[in-house]
Amino acid sequence: MILVLGFLLDGTDITPMLKWISTSSFVLATGGITLIVLALCYEWIDVRRHRKHLAFFMIVGMNSIFIYLFFIFVGDHWLNGYMEILVSGLLNLAGIPVAIGAAFSCLVVFAIEWYLCYYLYKKKIIFKI
């Protein structure tokens, strides 16, 4: 219902769907999509008990506070730039296009951050509020 209302506000030109100023139609549409995805995940994981192959997500979820703070204070200011220079620079020397090098450096940063969460998970270190 919320999703339909958001698209209805945009379709009738009452409120255009603009992300950068967070209009009401944008908020309602994205909120509706989020609730639908949440309901589907709840049905699939909790009701039908399909929990195999979800360890990848569970490892990050166990230390979501840590990875958020790590990205804010370390990843965004230092790690991303360092890996961009290192990985993209090496791939550019090999003749690989800049866009592919940038995408690959993003994957390397993601792998490093996931491994940090995996290390904490294996050591049973969990950050809580």
C-alpha atoms as a PDB file:
ATOM      1  CA  MET A   1       0.000   0.000   0.000  1.00  0.00           C
ATOM      2  CA  ILE A   2       2.805   2.392   0.920  1.00  0.00           C
ATOM      3  CA  LEU A   3       4.675   1.535  -2.274  1.00  0.00           C
ATOM      4  CA  VAL A   4       1.583   2.177  -4.389  1.00  0.00           C
ATOM      5  CA  LEU A   5       0.947   5.481  -2.597  1.00  0.00           C
ATOM      6  CA  GLY A   6       4.525   6.623  -3.266  1.00  0.00           C
ATOM      7  CA  PHE A   7       4.292   5.846  -6.974  1.00  0.00           C
ATOM      8  CA  LEU A   8       0.807   7.369  -7.107  1.00  0.00           C
ATOM      9  CA  LEU A   9       2.097  10.658  -5.692  1.00  0.00           C
ATOM     10  CA  ASP A  10       4.855  10.656  -8.310  1.00  0.00           C
ATOM     11  CA  GLY A  11       2.607   9.586 -11.188  1.00  0.00           C
ATOM     12  CA  THR A  12      -0.008  12.249 -10.537  1.00  0.00           C
ATOM     13  CA  ASP A  13       2.677  14.963 -10.224  1.00  0.00           C
ATOM     14  CA  ILE A  14       1.614  15.821  -6.680  1.00  0.00           C
ATOM     15  CA  THR A  15       5.142  15.204  -5.398  1.00  0.00           C
ATOM     16  CA  PRO A  16       7.933  14.182  -7.772  1.00  0.00           C
ATOM     17  CA  MET A  17      10.185  11.321  -6.707  1.00  0.00           C
ATOM     18  CA  LEU A  18      13.523  13.017  -5.955  1.00  0.00           C
ATOM     19  CA  LYS A  19      16.151  11.330  -3.810  1.00  0.00           C
ATOM     20  CA  TRP A  20      18.379  14.355  -3.216  1.00  0.00           C
ATOM     21  CA  ILE A  21      15.658  16.287  -1.358  1.00  0.00           C
ATOM     22  CA  SER A  22      13.916  13.165  -0.029  1.00  0.00           C
ATOM     23  CA  THR A  23      10.395  13.931  -1.172  1.00  0.00           C
ATOM     24  CA  SER A  24       7.410  12.200   0.376  1.00  0.00           C
ATOM     25  CA  SER A  25       6.837  10.045  -2.706  1.00  0.00           C
ATOM     26  CA  PHE A  26      10.482   8.886  -2.609  1.00  0.00           C
ATOM     27  CA  VAL A  27      10.265   8.079   1.101  1.00  0.00           C
ATOM     28  CA  LEU A  28       7.003   6.162   0.695  1.00  0.00           C
ATOM     29  CA  ALA A  29       8.197   4.220  -2.371  1.00  0.00           C
ATOM     30  CA  THR A  30      11.554   3.213  -0.890  1.00  0.00           C
ATOM     31  CA  GLY A  31       9.924   2.444   2.451  1.00  0.00           C
ATOM     32  CA  GLY A  32       7.426   0.189   0.693  1.00  0.00           C
ATOM     33  CA  ILE A  33      10.172  -1.617  -1.210  1.00  0.00           C
ATOM     34  CA  THR A  34      12.125  -2.050   2.022  1.00  0.00           C
ATOM     35  CA  LEU A  35       9.123  -3.531   3.824  1.00  0.00           C
ATOM     36  CA  ILE A  36       8.450  -5.960   0.963  1.00  0.00           C
ATOM     37  CA  VAL A  37      12.083  -7.146   0.936  1.00  0.00           C
ATOM     38  CA  LEU A  38      12.057  -7.463   4.742  1.00  0.00           C
ATOM     39  CA  ALA A  39       8.870  -9.554   4.604  1.00  0.00           C
ATOM     40  CA  LEU A  40      10.313 -11.816   1.888  1.00  0.00           C
ATOM     41  CA  CYS A  41      13.542 -12.328   3.844  1.00  0.00           C
ATOM     42  CA  TYR A  42      11.590 -13.057   7.028  1.00  0.00           C
ATOM     43  CA  GLU A  43       9.436 -15.606   5.193  1.00  0.00           C
ATOM     44  CA  TRP A  44      12.420 -17.290   3.544  1.00  0.00           C
ATOM     45  CA  ILE A  45      14.830 -17.338   6.489  1.00  0.00           C
ATOM     46  CA  ASP A  46      12.699 -17.512   9.649  1.00  0.00           C
ATOM     47  CA  VAL A  47       9.441 -19.151   8.579  1.00  0.00           C
ATOM     48  CA  ARG A  48      10.769 -21.655   6.014  1.00  0.00           C
ATOM     49  CA  ARG A  49      14.093 -22.053   7.873  1.00  0.00           C
ATOM     50  CA  HIS A  50      16.381 -21.720   4.844  1.00  0.00           C
ATOM     51  CA  ARG A  51      19.490 -20.827   6.784  1.00  0.00           C
ATOM     52  CA  LYS A  52      22.130 -22.671   4.796  1.00  0.00           C
ATOM     53  CA  HIS A  53      24.561 -20.540   2.831  1.00  0.00           C
ATOM     54  CA  LEU A  54      23.836 -17.433   4.927  1.00  0.00           C
ATOM     55  CA  ALA A  55      27.050 -17.504   6.997  1.00  0.00           C
ATOM     56  CA  PHE A  56      28.542 -14.824   4.741  1.00  0.00           C
ATOM     57  CA  PHE A  57      25.840 -12.355   5.818  1.00  0.00           C
ATOM     58  CA  MET A  58      25.729 -13.573   9.415  1.00  0.00           C
ATOM     59  CA  ILE A  59      29.441 -12.829   9.898  1.00  0.00           C
ATOM     60  CA  VAL A  60      28.963  -9.185   8.900  1.00  0.00           C
ATOM     61  CA  GLY A  61      25.708  -8.920  10.849  1.00  0.00           C
ATOM     62  CA  MET A  62      27.333 -10.129  14.070  1.00  0.00           C
ATOM     63  CA  ASN A  63      29.683  -7.129  14.023  1.00  0.00           C
ATOM     64  CA  SER A  64      27.682  -4.589  12.065  1.00  0.00           C
ATOM     65  CA  ILE A  65      28.480  -1.841  14.581  1.00  0.00           C
ATOM     66  CA  PHE A  66      32.200  -2.522  14.240  1.00  0.00           C
ATOM     67  CA  ILE A  67      32.207  -2.537  10.444  1.00  0.00           C
ATOM     68  CA  TYR A  68      30.120   0.646  10.325  1.00  0.00           C
ATOM     69  CA  LEU A  69      32.472   2.509  12.667  1.00  0.00           C
ATOM     70  CA  PHE A  70      35.538   1.048  10.926  1.00  0.00           C
ATOM     71  CA  PHE A  71      34.294   2.307   7.578  1.00  0.00           C
ATOM     72  CA  ILE A  72      33.481   5.768   8.948  1.00  0.00           C
ATOM     73  CA  PHE A  73      36.791   6.311  10.730  1.00  0.00           C
ATOM     74  CA  VAL A  74      39.308   4.166   8.806  1.00  0.00           C
ATOM     75  CA  GLY A  75      37.874   2.821   5.576  1.00  0.00           C
ATOM     76  CA  ASP A  76      36.465   6.001   4.120  1.00  0.00           C
ATOM     77  CA  HIS A  77      39.431   8.201   5.033  1.00  0.00           C
ATOM     78  CA  TRP A  78      42.374   5.862   4.547  1.00  0.00           C
ATOM     79  CA  LEU A  79      41.735   2.334   3.283  1.00  0.00           C
ATOM     80  CA  ASN A  80      39.675   3.218   0.195  1.00  0.00           C
ATOM     81  CA  GLY A  81      42.211   5.738  -1.083  1.00  0.00           C
ATOM     82  CA  TYR A  82      45.181   3.494  -0.364  1.00  0.00           C
ATOM     83  CA  MET A  83      43.651   0.506  -2.142  1.00  0.00           C
ATOM     84  CA  GLU A  84      42.581   2.701  -5.063  1.00  0.00           C
ATOM     85  CA  ILE A  85      46.172   3.819  -5.559  1.00  0.00           C
ATOM     86  CA  LEU A  86      47.637   0.357  -5.052  1.00  0.00           C
ATOM     87  CA  VAL A  87      45.201  -1.866  -6.941  1.00  0.00           C
ATOM     88  CA  SER A  88      44.113   0.519  -9.703  1.00  0.00           C
ATOM     89  CA  GLY A  89      47.679   1.686 -10.210  1.00  0.00           C
ATOM     90  CA  LEU A  90      48.980  -1.839 -10.638  1.00  0.00           C
ATOM     91  CA  LEU A  91      46.130  -2.812 -12.948  1.00  0.00           C
ATOM     92  CA  ASN A  92      46.624   0.363 -15.024  1.00  0.00           C
ATOM     93  CA  LEU A  93      50.272  -0.566 -15.482  1.00  0.00           C
ATOM     94  CA  ALA A  94      49.062  -3.885 -16.878  1.00  0.00           C
ATOM     95  CA  GLY A  95      46.898  -2.038 -19.417  1.00  0.00           C
ATOM     96  CA  ILE A  96      43.540  -2.682 -17.732  1.00  0.00           C
ATOM     97  CA  PRO A  97      41.024   0.217 -18.052  1.00  0.00           C
ATOM     98  CA  VAL A  98      40.579   2.628 -15.145  1.00  0.00           C
ATOM     99  CA  ALA A  99      36.929   1.695 -14.533  1.00  0.00           C
ATOM    100  CA  ILE A 100      37.755  -1.990 -14.142  1.00  0.00           C
ATOM    101  CA  GLY A 101      40.635  -1.122 -11.823  1.00  0.00           C
ATOM    102  CA  ALA A 102      38.363   1.033  -9.665  1.00  0.00           C
ATOM    103  CA  ALA A 103      35.755  -1.723  -9.474  1.00  0.00           C
ATOM    104  CA  PHE A 104      38.394  -4.275  -8.557  1.00  0.00           C
ATOM    105  CA  SER A 105      39.809  -2.005  -5.835  1.00  0.00           C
ATOM    106  CA  CYS A 106      36.280  -1.703  -4.368  1.00  0.00           C
ATOM    107  CA  LEU A 107      36.068  -5.494  -4.264  1.00  0.00           C
ATOM    108  CA  VAL A 108      39.451  -5.684  -2.525  1.00  0.00           C
ATOM    109  CA  VAL A 109      38.327  -3.169   0.131  1.00  0.00           C
ATOM    110  CA  PHE A 110      35.096  -5.132   0.613  1.00  0.00           C
ATOM    111  CA  ALA A 111      37.069  -8.370   1.024  1.00  0.00           C
ATOM    112  CA  ILE A 112      39.378  -6.762   3.606  1.00  0.00           C
ATOM    113  CA  GLU A 113      36.451  -5.396   5.604  1.00  0.00           C
ATOM    114  CA  TRP A 114      34.616  -8.730   5.447  1.00  0.00           C
ATOM    115  CA  TYR A 115      37.747 -10.542   6.600  1.00  0.00           C
ATOM    116  CA  LEU A 116      37.987  -8.198   9.594  1.00  0.00           C
ATOM    117  CA  CYS A 117      34.456  -9.228  10.546  1.00  0.00           C
ATOM    118  CA  TYR A 118      35.348 -12.887   9.964  1.00  0.00           C
ATOM    119  CA  TYR A 119      38.400 -12.583  12.222  1.00  0.00           C
ATOM    120  CA  LEU A 120      36.287 -11.057  14.985  1.00  0.00           C
ATOM    121  CA  TYR A 121      33.644 -13.773  14.475  1.00  0.00           C
ATOM    122  CA  LYS A 122      36.232 -16.563  14.788  1.00  0.00           C
ATOM    123  CA  LYS A 123      37.712 -14.977  17.933  1.00  0.00           C
ATOM    124  CA  LYS A 124      34.154 -14.581  19.321  1.00  0.00           C
ATOM    125  CA  ILE A 125      34.597 -10.812  19.656  1.00  0.00           C
ATOM    126  CA  ILE A 126      31.239  -9.094  19.204  1.00  0.00           C
ATOM    127  CA  PHE A 127      30.677  -5.367  19.625  1.00  0.00           C
ATOM    128  CA  LYS A 128      27.340  -4.527  21.266  1.00  0.00           C
ATOM    129  CA  ILE A 129      25.539  -1.470  22.501  1.00  0.00           C
END
